[in-house]
Amino acid sequence: MKQVVAERKDIAFYIILYPLPNHKEAYKKSKSILCEQSLEMLEDAFAKKTIPDPSCETNEVDDNIKLAKKLGISGTPALIFPDGVVRSGFRKAEAIISFIDKK
């Protein structure tokens, strides 16, 4: 994502936290990140750094999980494009840009 937005200012990503059950601490970390609205904490989580416990009550993570199930998304990463096309799995920046340009 960072490479895509560095190359293309007309492309934006909206990150929806969808913790998978096989990642033990992901649910709690997701809630913490959302409570703090912290991109830095998201980066820390990906770097496997310690994330503090959630500082608020939020249903947003649970709502994200319900939405993912409704849309048939079972893994991450998953990209949902403006036209509704869903692409699951890792994609290189060039592939994402190419897909968008073909639309």
N, C-alpha and C. Protein backbone atom coordinates (compact mmCIF):
# COMPACT_ATOMS: atom_id res chain seq x y z
N MET A 1 0.82 -1.19 0.00
CA MET A 1 0.00 0.00 0.00
C MET A 1 0.86 1.25 0.00
N LYS A 2 1.91 1.23 0.81
CA LYS A 2 2.76 2.41 0.89
C LYS A 2 3.37 2.73 -0.47
N GLN A 3 3.80 1.71 -1.18
CA GLN A 3 4.41 1.93 -2.49
C GLN A 3 3.38 2.46 -3.48
N VAL A 4 2.18 1.94 -3.43
CA VAL A 4 1.12 2.40 -4.35
C VAL A 4 0.83 3.88 -4.12
N VAL A 5 0.61 4.27 -2.87
CA VAL A 5 0.27 5.68 -2.62
C VAL A 5 1.46 6.60 -2.82
N ALA A 6 2.68 6.08 -2.70
CA ALA A 6 3.86 6.89 -3.00
C ALA A 6 3.94 7.19 -4.49
N GLU A 7 3.55 6.21 -5.30
CA GLU A 7 3.61 6.38 -6.75
C GLU A 7 2.39 7.07 -7.33
N ARG A 8 1.24 6.87 -6.68
CA ARG A 8 -0.02 7.38 -7.23
C ARG A 8 -0.82 8.12 -6.18
N LYS A 9 -0.84 9.41 -6.28
CA LYS A 9 -1.58 10.24 -5.32
C LYS A 9 -3.09 10.15 -5.52
N ASP A 10 -3.52 9.58 -6.63
CA ASP A 10 -4.95 9.45 -6.92
C ASP A 10 -5.55 8.14 -6.39
N ILE A 11 -4.74 7.33 -5.71
CA ILE A 11 -5.21 6.06 -5.17
C ILE A 11 -5.13 6.14 -3.64
N ALA A 12 -6.21 5.73 -2.99
CA ALA A 12 -6.26 5.73 -1.53
C ALA A 12 -6.69 4.35 -1.05
N PHE A 13 -6.27 4.01 0.14
CA PHE A 13 -6.67 2.77 0.78
C PHE A 13 -7.41 3.10 2.07
N TYR A 14 -8.47 2.39 2.32
CA TYR A 14 -9.17 2.47 3.59
C TYR A 14 -8.91 1.14 4.29
N ILE A 15 -8.29 1.20 5.43
CA ILE A 15 -7.91 -0.01 6.15
C ILE A 15 -9.04 -0.39 7.10
N ILE A 16 -9.55 -1.59 6.92
CA ILE A 16 -10.59 -2.14 7.78
C ILE A 16 -9.94 -3.29 8.54
N LEU A 17 -9.84 -3.15 9.83
CA LEU A 17 -9.18 -4.18 10.63
C LEU A 17 -10.08 -5.40 10.74
N TYR A 18 -9.56 -6.53 10.30
CA TYR A 18 -10.28 -7.79 10.30
C TYR A 18 -9.36 -8.85 10.90
N PRO A 19 -9.37 -8.99 12.23
CA PRO A 19 -8.47 -9.94 12.88
C PRO A 19 -8.95 -11.38 12.65
N LEU A 20 -8.03 -12.20 12.20
CA LEU A 20 -8.35 -13.60 11.98
C LEU A 20 -8.17 -14.38 13.28
N PRO A 21 -9.03 -15.38 13.51
CA PRO A 21 -8.98 -16.11 14.78
C PRO A 21 -7.66 -16.86 15.01
N ASN A 22 -6.96 -17.20 13.96
CA ASN A 22 -5.71 -17.94 14.13
C ASN A 22 -4.54 -17.06 14.59
N HIS A 23 -4.75 -15.74 14.64
CA HIS A 23 -3.75 -14.82 15.17
C HIS A 23 -4.20 -14.43 16.58
N LYS A 24 -3.59 -15.06 17.56
CA LYS A 24 -4.05 -15.02 18.94
C LYS A 24 -4.37 -13.63 19.49
N GLU A 25 -3.50 -12.67 19.30
CA GLU A 25 -3.66 -11.35 19.89
C GLU A 25 -4.29 -10.32 18.94
N ALA A 26 -4.62 -10.72 17.73
CA ALA A 26 -5.06 -9.77 16.70
C ALA A 26 -6.35 -9.03 17.08
N TYR A 27 -7.29 -9.72 17.71
CA TYR A 27 -8.56 -9.08 18.06
C TYR A 27 -8.31 -7.94 19.05
N LYS A 28 -7.58 -8.23 20.11
CA LYS A 28 -7.30 -7.21 21.13
C LYS A 28 -6.48 -6.06 20.53
N LYS A 29 -5.49 -6.40 19.72
CA LYS A 29 -4.66 -5.36 19.09
C LYS A 29 -5.50 -4.49 18.17
N SER A 30 -6.41 -5.10 17.43
CA SER A 30 -7.28 -4.34 16.53
C SER A 30 -8.13 -3.34 17.31
N LYS A 31 -8.68 -3.78 18.42
CA LYS A 31 -9.49 -2.88 19.25
C LYS A 31 -8.63 -1.72 19.78
N SER A 32 -7.42 -2.03 20.21
CA SER A 32 -6.52 -0.98 20.73
C SER A 32 -6.21 0.04 19.65
N ILE A 33 -5.90 -0.43 18.47
CA ILE A 33 -5.56 0.47 17.35
C ILE A 33 -6.75 1.36 17.02
N LEU A 34 -7.94 0.78 17.00
CA LEU A 34 -9.14 1.58 16.70
C LEU A 34 -9.45 2.58 17.80
N CYS A 35 -9.26 2.18 19.06
CA CYS A 35 -9.51 3.11 20.16
C CYS A 35 -8.61 4.34 20.06
N GLU A 36 -7.37 4.10 19.71
CA GLU A 36 -6.40 5.20 19.64
C GLU A 36 -6.36 5.87 18.27
N GLN A 37 -7.02 5.26 17.27
CA GLN A 37 -6.99 5.78 15.90
C GLN A 37 -5.53 6.05 15.49
N SER A 38 -4.69 5.03 15.70
CA SER A 38 -3.25 5.21 15.58
C SER A 38 -2.64 4.38 14.46
N LEU A 39 -2.17 5.06 13.43
CA LEU A 39 -1.44 4.39 12.36
C LEU A 39 -0.11 3.86 12.89
N GLU A 40 0.48 4.58 13.83
CA GLU A 40 1.74 4.13 14.43
C GLU A 40 1.54 2.80 15.16
N MET A 41 0.44 2.66 15.86
CA MET A 41 0.16 1.39 16.54
C MET A 41 -0.07 0.26 15.54
N LEU A 42 -0.68 0.58 14.42
CA LEU A 42 -0.86 -0.43 13.37
C LEU A 42 0.49 -0.90 12.87
N GLU A 43 1.38 0.05 12.61
CA GLU A 43 2.74 -0.29 12.17
C GLU A 43 3.45 -1.13 13.23
N ASP A 44 3.29 -0.76 14.51
CA ASP A 44 3.90 -1.52 15.60
C ASP A 44 3.36 -2.95 15.64
N ALA A 45 2.08 -3.10 15.42
CA ALA A 45 1.47 -4.44 15.43
C ALA A 45 2.07 -5.30 14.33
N PHE A 46 2.22 -4.73 13.13
CA PHE A 46 2.83 -5.48 12.03
C PHE A 46 4.29 -5.81 12.32
N ALA A 47 4.95 -4.96 13.10
CA ALA A 47 6.35 -5.19 13.47
C ALA A 47 6.46 -6.11 14.69
N LYS A 48 5.32 -6.65 15.13
CA LYS A 48 5.26 -7.56 16.27
C LYS A 48 5.72 -6.92 17.58
N LYS A 49 5.50 -5.62 17.69
CA LYS A 49 5.79 -4.91 18.94
C LYS A 49 4.60 -5.04 19.88
N THR A 50 4.84 -4.79 21.15
CA THR A 50 3.78 -4.85 22.15
C THR A 50 2.80 -3.69 21.95
N ILE A 51 1.52 -4.03 21.99
CA ILE A 51 0.45 -3.04 21.85
C ILE A 51 -0.31 -3.01 23.18
N PRO A 52 -0.60 -1.82 23.72
CA PRO A 52 -1.34 -1.77 24.99
C PRO A 52 -2.77 -2.29 24.82
N ASP A 53 -3.36 -2.65 25.95
CA ASP A 53 -4.76 -3.09 25.93
C ASP A 53 -5.65 -1.95 25.45
N PRO A 54 -6.84 -2.29 24.92
CA PRO A 54 -7.77 -1.26 24.46
C PRO A 54 -8.11 -0.27 25.56
N SER A 55 -8.22 1.01 25.18
CA SER A 55 -8.55 2.06 26.14
C SER A 55 -10.00 2.51 26.04
N CYS A 56 -10.78 1.80 25.23
CA CYS A 56 -12.19 2.16 25.06
C CYS A 56 -12.99 0.91 24.76
N GLU A 57 -14.29 1.08 24.72
CA GLU A 57 -15.19 0.02 24.28
C GLU A 57 -15.60 0.34 22.85
N THR A 58 -15.46 -0.62 21.98
CA THR A 58 -15.87 -0.41 20.59
C THR A 58 -16.39 -1.71 20.01
N ASN A 59 -17.41 -1.60 19.19
CA ASN A 59 -17.96 -2.75 18.47
C ASN A 59 -17.46 -2.81 17.03
N GLU A 60 -16.60 -1.88 16.68
CA GLU A 60 -16.16 -1.76 15.29
C GLU A 60 -15.48 -3.03 14.78
N VAL A 61 -14.65 -3.66 15.60
CA VAL A 61 -13.97 -4.89 15.17
C VAL A 61 -15.00 -5.99 14.93
N ASP A 62 -15.95 -6.13 15.83
CA ASP A 62 -17.00 -7.14 15.65
C ASP A 62 -17.83 -6.86 14.40
N ASP A 63 -18.12 -5.59 14.14
CA ASP A 63 -18.85 -5.22 12.93
C ASP A 63 -18.04 -5.55 11.68
N ASN A 64 -16.72 -5.33 11.74
CA ASN A 64 -15.86 -5.66 10.60
C ASN A 64 -15.87 -7.16 10.32
N ILE A 65 -15.82 -7.95 11.38
CA ILE A 65 -15.84 -9.40 11.23
C ILE A 65 -17.15 -9.85 10.60
N LYS A 66 -18.26 -9.29 11.05
CA LYS A 66 -19.57 -9.63 10.47
C LYS A 66 -19.64 -9.25 9.00
N LEU A 67 -19.13 -8.06 8.67
CA LEU A 67 -19.14 -7.61 7.27
C LEU A 67 -18.28 -8.52 6.40
N ALA A 68 -17.11 -8.88 6.88
CA ALA A 68 -16.22 -9.76 6.10
C ALA A 68 -16.91 -11.10 5.83
N LYS A 69 -17.56 -11.64 6.83
CA LYS A 69 -18.27 -12.91 6.65
C LYS A 69 -19.40 -12.75 5.63
N LYS A 70 -20.12 -11.64 5.71
CA LYS A 70 -21.22 -11.38 4.78
C LYS A 70 -20.72 -11.27 3.34
N LEU A 71 -19.53 -10.69 3.18
CA LEU A 71 -18.94 -10.51 1.85
C LEU A 71 -18.16 -11.73 1.38
N GLY A 72 -18.06 -12.74 2.23
CA GLY A 72 -17.34 -13.95 1.86
C GLY A 72 -15.83 -13.83 1.95
N ILE A 73 -15.36 -12.86 2.71
CA ILE A 73 -13.91 -12.67 2.88
C ILE A 73 -13.47 -13.51 4.07
N SER A 74 -12.52 -14.40 3.83
CA SER A 74 -12.09 -15.30 4.90
C SER A 74 -10.61 -15.15 5.23
N GLY A 75 -9.92 -14.28 4.53
CA GLY A 75 -8.50 -14.11 4.78
C GLY A 75 -8.06 -12.68 4.53
N THR A 76 -6.83 -12.42 4.91
CA THR A 76 -6.26 -11.10 4.70
C THR A 76 -4.89 -11.26 4.06
N PRO A 77 -4.47 -10.30 3.30
CA PRO A 77 -5.19 -9.08 2.95
C PRO A 77 -6.27 -9.36 1.90
N ALA A 78 -7.22 -8.50 1.86
CA ALA A 78 -8.26 -8.53 0.84
C ALA A 78 -8.49 -7.10 0.38
N LEU A 79 -8.50 -6.90 -0.91
CA LEU A 79 -8.74 -5.58 -1.49
C LEU A 79 -10.12 -5.56 -2.10
N ILE A 80 -10.89 -4.56 -1.77
CA ILE A 80 -12.21 -4.36 -2.38
C ILE A 80 -12.12 -3.08 -3.19
N PHE A 81 -12.28 -3.20 -4.48
CA PHE A 81 -12.16 -2.05 -5.37
C PHE A 81 -13.49 -1.31 -5.47
N PRO A 82 -13.46 -0.06 -5.91
CA PRO A 82 -14.69 0.74 -5.96
C PRO A 82 -15.85 0.10 -6.73
N ASP A 83 -15.53 -0.76 -7.70
CA ASP A 83 -16.59 -1.41 -8.46
C ASP A 83 -17.11 -2.68 -7.79
N GLY A 84 -16.58 -2.99 -6.57
CA GLY A 84 -17.04 -4.14 -5.82
C GLY A 84 -16.23 -5.40 -6.03
N VAL A 85 -15.29 -5.38 -6.95
CA VAL A 85 -14.44 -6.55 -7.18
C VAL A 85 -13.57 -6.78 -5.94
N VAL A 86 -13.51 -8.03 -5.50
CA VAL A 86 -12.70 -8.40 -4.34
C VAL A 86 -11.51 -9.23 -4.82
N ARG A 87 -10.34 -8.85 -4.39
CA ARG A 87 -9.11 -9.59 -4.69
C ARG A 87 -8.46 -9.95 -3.36
N SER A 88 -8.37 -11.24 -3.08
CA SER A 88 -7.76 -11.70 -1.84
C SER A 88 -6.30 -12.04 -2.06
N GLY A 89 -5.53 -11.90 -1.01
CA GLY A 89 -4.12 -12.27 -1.06
C GLY A 89 -3.22 -11.10 -1.38
N PHE A 90 -1.95 -11.31 -1.10
CA PHE A 90 -0.94 -10.29 -1.33
C PHE A 90 -0.86 -9.95 -2.82
N ARG A 91 -0.71 -8.67 -3.12
CA ARG A 91 -0.50 -8.19 -4.49
C ARG A 91 0.64 -7.18 -4.47
N LYS A 92 1.50 -7.28 -5.45
CA LYS A 92 2.56 -6.28 -5.59
C LYS A 92 1.94 -4.97 -6.04
N ALA A 93 2.63 -3.87 -5.73
CA ALA A 93 2.12 -2.54 -6.06
C ALA A 93 1.82 -2.42 -7.55
N GLU A 94 2.70 -2.94 -8.38
CA GLU A 94 2.49 -2.84 -9.83
C GLU A 94 1.19 -3.52 -10.27
N ALA A 95 0.89 -4.65 -9.65
CA ALA A 95 -0.33 -5.39 -10.00
C ALA A 95 -1.57 -4.61 -9.57
N ILE A 96 -1.52 -3.99 -8.41
CA ILE A 96 -2.66 -3.20 -7.93
C ILE A 96 -2.89 -2.02 -8.87
N ILE A 97 -1.83 -1.31 -9.19
CA ILE A 97 -1.95 -0.15 -10.08
C ILE A 97 -2.46 -0.57 -11.45
N SER A 98 -1.93 -1.65 -11.98
CA SER A 98 -2.36 -2.15 -13.29
C SER A 98 -3.85 -2.50 -13.27
N PHE A 99 -4.29 -3.17 -12.23
CA PHE A 99 -5.70 -3.56 -12.12
C PHE A 99 -6.59 -2.32 -12.10
N ILE A 100 -6.20 -1.31 -11.33
CA ILE A 100 -6.97 -0.08 -11.25
C ILE A 100 -7.00 0.64 -12.60
N ASP A 101 -5.87 0.70 -13.27
CA ASP A 101 -5.79 1.39 -14.55
C ASP A 101 -6.62 0.73 -15.64
N LYS A 102 -6.85 -0.58 -15.54
CA LYS A 102 -7.65 -1.31 -16.52
C LYS A 102 -9.13 -1.08 -16.33
N LYS A 103 -9.53 -0.55 -15.18
CA LYS A 103 -10.96 -0.34 -14.88
C LYS A 103 -11.47 0.89 -15.56
